[in-house]
Amino acid sequence: TSRPNIVFVLLDDLRFDAMGFLTPGLETPNIDYLASHGTYFPNAVVTTALCSPSRATLLTGLSTVNHGIVDNNNATEQGLVFFPSYLQQAGYQTGFFGKWHMGASTDDPRAGFDKWVSFKGQGKLVDPVLWPNGSEHQVEGYMTDILNARAAEFATKKRPQPSALFFA
């Protein structure tokens, strides 16, 4: 049997009332489509309401006290296994596109991802510096458009194995 492709979208700092499918009169057609055609977790909570600890919890399955990433500045990923590593072992091609914002001062590729496009810290919205697969590149354009295009290229590439795309 064929295995499904996976698209994991992490919307950082998005309030419940900023999504049209939860707030009548608000138009968010793409988010609404994802909610109606994917999986929506209405009772999800975070252990720490900060970017890095939340991202670490989602990607490791561990609570903050167990993964040790407690803030956005002094994070260490040493010894952590992110679940995309298990997907790789199961034959998936994995890609990460977006804000990692954990660990060291670089955004070099992390274990578990075959394709990597990220940036340091919060990044720069216009003409950003990206770290595709570990090499620093100045890129012209708007950050969201650039990341969307690279993620779409990864998602639509024909390959014999299933893929898992992580967009943050």
C-alpha atoms as a PDB file:
ATOM      1  CA  THR A   1       0.000   0.000   0.000  1.00  0.00           C
ATOM      2  CA  SER A   2       1.174   3.524  -0.637  1.00  0.00           C
ATOM      3  CA  ARG A   3       1.973   5.793   2.258  1.00  0.00           C
ATOM      4  CA  PRO A   4       0.537   9.317   2.351  1.00  0.00           C
ATOM      5  CA  ASN A   5       2.579  12.433   1.883  1.00  0.00           C
ATOM      6  CA  ILE A   6       2.596  14.654   4.967  1.00  0.00           C
ATOM      7  CA  VAL A   7       2.373  18.438   5.156  1.00  0.00           C
ATOM      8  CA  PHE A   8       2.995  19.816   8.660  1.00  0.00           C
ATOM      9  CA  VAL A   9       2.331  23.552   8.983  1.00  0.00           C
ATOM     10  CA  LEU A  10       3.305  25.302  12.209  1.00  0.00           C
ATOM     11  CA  LEU A  11       1.608  28.683  12.535  1.00  0.00           C
ATOM     12  CA  ASP A  12       3.583  30.593  15.108  1.00  0.00           C
ATOM     13  CA  ASP A  13       1.705  33.006  17.383  1.00  0.00           C
ATOM     14  CA  LEU A  14      -1.643  32.580  15.603  1.00  0.00           C
ATOM     15  CA  ARG A  15      -4.625  33.313  17.839  1.00  0.00           C
ATOM     16  CA  PHE A  16      -7.815  31.276  17.550  1.00  0.00           C
ATOM     17  CA  ASP A  17      -9.818  34.352  16.516  1.00  0.00           C
ATOM     18  CA  ALA A  18      -7.498  35.065  13.564  1.00  0.00           C
ATOM     19  CA  MET A  19      -8.851  32.112  11.566  1.00  0.00           C
ATOM     20  CA  GLY A  20     -11.992  32.383   9.467  1.00  0.00           C
ATOM     21  CA  PHE A  21     -13.250  28.877  10.185  1.00  0.00           C
ATOM     22  CA  LEU A  22     -13.485  29.900  13.858  1.00  0.00           C
ATOM     23  CA  THR A  23     -14.430  33.576  13.442  1.00  0.00           C
ATOM     24  CA  PRO A  24     -17.489  34.355  11.276  1.00  0.00           C
ATOM     25  CA  GLY A  25     -16.881  37.202   8.839  1.00  0.00           C
ATOM     26  CA  LEU A  26     -13.099  36.791   8.792  1.00  0.00           C
ATOM     27  CA  GLU A  27     -11.729  35.607   5.445  1.00  0.00           C
ATOM     28  CA  THR A  28      -8.776  33.210   5.622  1.00  0.00           C
ATOM     29  CA  PRO A  29      -9.517  30.857   2.705  1.00  0.00           C
ATOM     30  CA  ASN A  30      -6.223  28.952   2.716  1.00  0.00           C
ATOM     31  CA  ILE A  31      -6.258  28.322   6.461  1.00  0.00           C
ATOM     32  CA  ASP A  32      -9.949  27.386   6.240  1.00  0.00           C
ATOM     33  CA  TYR A  33      -9.165  24.912   3.452  1.00  0.00           C
ATOM     34  CA  LEU A  34      -6.397  23.302   5.501  1.00  0.00           C
ATOM     35  CA  ALA A  35      -8.730  23.017   8.498  1.00  0.00           C
ATOM     36  CA  SER A  36     -11.506  21.376   6.467  1.00  0.00           C
ATOM     37  CA  HIS A  37      -9.249  19.024   4.474  1.00  0.00           C
ATOM     38  CA  GLY A  38      -6.615  18.223   7.094  1.00  0.00           C
ATOM     39  CA  THR A  39      -6.587  17.640  10.813  1.00  0.00           C
ATOM     40  CA  TYR A  40      -7.515  20.402  13.233  1.00  0.00           C
ATOM     41  CA  PHE A  41      -6.774  19.937  16.931  1.00  0.00           C
ATOM     42  CA  PRO A  42      -9.336  22.109  18.783  1.00  0.00           C
ATOM     43  CA  ASN A  43      -8.022  21.321  22.256  1.00  0.00           C
ATOM     44  CA  ALA A  44      -4.293  21.649  21.623  1.00  0.00           C
ATOM     45  CA  VAL A  45      -2.299  23.508  24.246  1.00  0.00           C
ATOM     46  CA  VAL A  46       1.340  24.446  24.676  1.00  0.00           C
ATOM     47  CA  THR A  47       3.525  23.794  27.672  1.00  0.00           C
ATOM     48  CA  THR A  48       5.419  27.047  27.160  1.00  0.00           C
ATOM     49  CA  ALA A  49       3.987  29.884  25.075  1.00  0.00           C
ATOM     50  CA  LEU A  50       7.271  30.729  23.333  1.00  0.00           C
ATOM     51  CA  CYS A  51       8.438  29.832  19.823  1.00  0.00           C
ATOM     52  CA  SER A  52      11.409  27.603  20.562  1.00  0.00           C
ATOM     53  CA  PRO A  53       9.982  25.537  23.441  1.00  0.00           C
ATOM     54  CA  SER A  54       6.707  24.984  21.549  1.00  0.00           C
ATOM     55  CA  ARG A  55       8.523  23.959  18.376  1.00  0.00           C
ATOM     56  CA  ALA A  56      10.742  21.568  20.342  1.00  0.00           C
ATOM     57  CA  THR A  57       7.699  20.001  22.023  1.00  0.00           C
ATOM     58  CA  LEU A  58       5.908  19.471  18.702  1.00  0.00           C
ATOM     59  CA  LEU A  59       8.957  17.998  16.991  1.00  0.00           C
ATOM     60  CA  THR A  60      10.158  15.747  19.831  1.00  0.00           C
ATOM     61  CA  GLY A  61       6.954  14.776  21.637  1.00  0.00           C
ATOM     62  CA  LEU A  62       8.634  15.777  24.895  1.00  0.00           C
ATOM     63  CA  SER A  63       7.533  18.397  27.392  1.00  0.00           C
ATOM     64  CA  THR A  64       9.696  21.445  28.027  1.00  0.00           C
ATOM     65  CA  VAL A  65      11.116  20.010  31.240  1.00  0.00           C
ATOM     66  CA  ASN A  66      12.276  16.925  29.289  1.00  0.00           C
ATOM     67  CA  HIS A  67      13.672  18.515  26.118  1.00  0.00           C
ATOM     68  CA  GLY A  68      15.274  21.404  28.006  1.00  0.00           C
ATOM     69  CA  ILE A  69      14.516  24.192  25.524  1.00  0.00           C
ATOM     70  CA  VAL A  70      13.002  26.769  27.857  1.00  0.00           C
ATOM     71  CA  ASP A  71      13.443  30.078  26.012  1.00  0.00           C
ATOM     72  CA  ASN A  72      14.150  31.567  22.584  1.00  0.00           C
ATOM     73  CA  ASN A  73      17.777  32.507  23.237  1.00  0.00           C
ATOM     74  CA  ASN A  74      19.656  29.778  25.067  1.00  0.00           C
ATOM     75  CA  ALA A  75      18.382  26.611  23.439  1.00  0.00           C
ATOM     76  CA  THR A  76      20.462  23.483  23.019  1.00  0.00           C
ATOM     77  CA  GLU A  77      19.314  20.650  20.786  1.00  0.00           C
ATOM     78  CA  GLN A  78      22.024  18.266  21.951  1.00  0.00           C
ATOM     79  CA  GLY A  79      20.648  14.742  22.402  1.00  0.00           C
ATOM     80  CA  LEU A  80      17.208  15.521  20.974  1.00  0.00           C
ATOM     81  CA  VAL A  81      15.638  13.414  18.240  1.00  0.00           C
ATOM     82  CA  PHE A  82      13.048  15.165  16.095  1.00  0.00           C
ATOM     83  CA  PHE A  83      10.276  12.960  14.721  1.00  0.00           C
ATOM     84  CA  PRO A  84      11.175  13.619  11.046  1.00  0.00           C
ATOM     85  CA  SER A  85      14.199  11.361  11.730  1.00  0.00           C
ATOM     86  CA  TYR A  86      11.749   8.497  12.251  1.00  0.00           C
ATOM     87  CA  LEU A  87       9.998   9.398   9.013  1.00  0.00           C
ATOM     88  CA  GLN A  88      13.359   9.250   7.211  1.00  0.00           C
ATOM     89  CA  GLN A  89      13.975   5.786   8.676  1.00  0.00           C
ATOM     90  CA  ALA A  90      10.554   4.776   7.334  1.00  0.00           C
ATOM     91  CA  GLY A  91      11.583   5.861   3.826  1.00  0.00           C
ATOM     92  CA  TYR A  92      10.178   9.388   3.698  1.00  0.00           C
ATOM     93  CA  GLN A  93      12.004  12.292   2.067  1.00  0.00           C
ATOM     94  CA  THR A  94      11.735  15.180   4.533  1.00  0.00           C
ATOM     95  CA  GLY A  95      12.041  18.923   4.072  1.00  0.00           C
ATOM     96  CA  PHE A  96      12.000  21.882   6.448  1.00  0.00           C
ATOM     97  CA  PHE A  97      11.142  25.398   5.258  1.00  0.00           C
ATOM     98  CA  GLY A  98      10.874  28.385   7.565  1.00  0.00           C
ATOM     99  CA  LYS A  99      11.788  29.598  11.017  1.00  0.00           C
ATOM    100  CA  TRP A 100      13.624  27.043  13.146  1.00  0.00           C
ATOM    101  CA  HIS A 101      14.628  29.507  15.862  1.00  0.00           C
ATOM    102  CA  MET A 102      16.126  26.889  18.175  1.00  0.00           C
ATOM    103  CA  GLY A 103      19.629  26.099  19.198  1.00  0.00           C
ATOM    104  CA  ALA A 104      22.846  27.555  17.878  1.00  0.00           C
ATOM    105  CA  SER A 105      23.316  30.939  16.250  1.00  0.00           C
ATOM    106  CA  THR A 106      23.268  29.377  12.781  1.00  0.00           C
ATOM    107  CA  ASP A 107      20.497  27.642  10.991  1.00  0.00           C
ATOM    108  CA  ASP A 108      22.522  24.830   9.526  1.00  0.00           C
ATOM    109  CA  PRO A 109      20.510  21.739   8.561  1.00  0.00           C
ATOM    110  CA  ARG A 110      19.258  19.611  11.425  1.00  0.00           C
ATOM    111  CA  ALA A 111      19.159  15.844  11.646  1.00  0.00           C
ATOM    112  CA  GLY A 112      15.977  14.383  10.221  1.00  0.00           C
ATOM    113  CA  PHE A 113      15.672  16.687   7.220  1.00  0.00           C
ATOM    114  CA  ASP A 114      16.842  15.922   3.691  1.00  0.00           C
ATOM    115  CA  LYS A 115      16.079  19.426   2.423  1.00  0.00           C
ATOM    116  CA  TRP A 116      16.572  22.482   4.636  1.00  0.00           C
ATOM    117  CA  VAL A 117      15.762  26.156   4.039  1.00  0.00           C
ATOM    118  CA  SER A 118      15.792  28.351   7.134  1.00  0.00           C
ATOM    119  CA  PHE A 119      17.195  31.586   8.535  1.00  0.00           C
ATOM    120  CA  LYS A 120      18.708  32.902  11.751  1.00  0.00           C
ATOM    121  CA  GLY A 121      16.406  34.067  14.530  1.00  0.00           C
ATOM    122  CA  GLN A 122      13.362  35.965  13.332  1.00  0.00           C
ATOM    123  CA  GLY A 123      14.858  36.567   9.902  1.00  0.00           C
ATOM    124  CA  LYS A 124      14.386  39.556   7.646  1.00  0.00           C
ATOM    125  CA  LEU A 125      11.181  39.954   5.621  1.00  0.00           C
ATOM    126  CA  VAL A 126      12.627  41.648   2.525  1.00  0.00           C
ATOM    127  CA  ASP A 127      15.735  40.327   0.756  1.00  0.00           C
ATOM    128  CA  PRO A 128      16.433  37.768   3.494  1.00  0.00           C
ATOM    129  CA  VAL A 129      19.543  35.753   4.219  1.00  0.00           C
ATOM    130  CA  LEU A 130      18.607  32.068   3.985  1.00  0.00           C
ATOM    131  CA  TRP A 131      20.515  28.911   4.879  1.00  0.00           C
ATOM    132  CA  PRO A 132      19.516  26.394   2.192  1.00  0.00           C
ATOM    133  CA  ASN A 133      21.149  23.087   3.122  1.00  0.00           C
ATOM    134  CA  GLY A 134      23.769  24.801   5.264  1.00  0.00           C
ATOM    135  CA  SER A 135      25.153  27.553   3.061  1.00  0.00           C
ATOM    136  CA  GLU A 136      24.351  31.210   3.630  1.00  0.00           C
ATOM    137  CA  HIS A 137      22.674  33.009   0.700  1.00  0.00           C
ATOM    138  CA  GLN A 138      21.251  36.519   0.308  1.00  0.00           C
ATOM    139  CA  VAL A 139      17.992  36.163  -1.638  1.00  0.00           C
ATOM    140  CA  GLU A 140      15.959  38.912  -3.297  1.00  0.00           C
ATOM    141  CA  GLY A 141      12.253  39.127  -2.615  1.00  0.00           C
ATOM    142  CA  TYR A 142       9.738  38.750   0.184  1.00  0.00           C
ATOM    143  CA  MET A 143      10.484  36.011   2.746  1.00  0.00           C
ATOM    144  CA  THR A 144       7.037  34.378   2.647  1.00  0.00           C
ATOM    145  CA  ASP A 145       6.980  34.229  -1.170  1.00  0.00           C
ATOM    146  CA  ILE A 146      10.476  32.736  -1.276  1.00  0.00           C
ATOM    147  CA  LEU A 147       9.745  30.067   1.339  1.00  0.00           C
ATOM    148  CA  ASN A 148       6.388  29.220  -0.262  1.00  0.00           C
ATOM    149  CA  ALA A 149       8.018  28.740  -3.648  1.00  0.00           C
ATOM    150  CA  ARG A 150      10.760  26.486  -2.269  1.00  0.00           C
ATOM    151  CA  ALA A 151       8.296  24.437  -0.213  1.00  0.00           C
ATOM    152  CA  ALA A 152       5.985  24.061  -3.239  1.00  0.00           C
ATOM    153  CA  GLU A 153       8.941  22.913  -5.356  1.00  0.00           C
ATOM    154  CA  PHE A 154       9.751  20.252  -2.746  1.00  0.00           C
ATOM    155  CA  ALA A 155       6.109  19.165  -2.387  1.00  0.00           C
ATOM    156  CA  THR A 156       5.466  18.791  -6.102  1.00  0.00           C
ATOM    157  CA  LYS A 157       8.700  17.011  -7.004  1.00  0.00           C
ATOM    158  CA  LYS A 158       8.096  13.521  -8.391  1.00  0.00           C
ATOM    159  CA  ARG A 159       9.880  10.913  -6.291  1.00  0.00           C
ATOM    160  CA  PRO A 160       9.478   7.195  -5.659  1.00  0.00           C
ATOM    161  CA  GLN A 161       9.115   7.574  -1.900  1.00  0.00           C
ATOM    162  CA  PRO A 162       6.573   9.583   0.120  1.00  0.00           C
ATOM    163  CA  SER A 163       7.491  13.027   1.382  1.00  0.00           C
ATOM    164  CA  ALA A 164       6.980  14.965   4.589  1.00  0.00           C
ATOM    165  CA  LEU A 165       7.104  18.742   4.339  1.00  0.00           C
ATOM    166  CA  PHE A 166       7.482  20.857   7.494  1.00  0.00           C
ATOM    167  CA  PHE A 167       6.651  24.544   7.097  1.00  0.00           C
ATOM    168  CA  ALA A 168       7.103  26.895  10.028  1.00  0.00           C
END
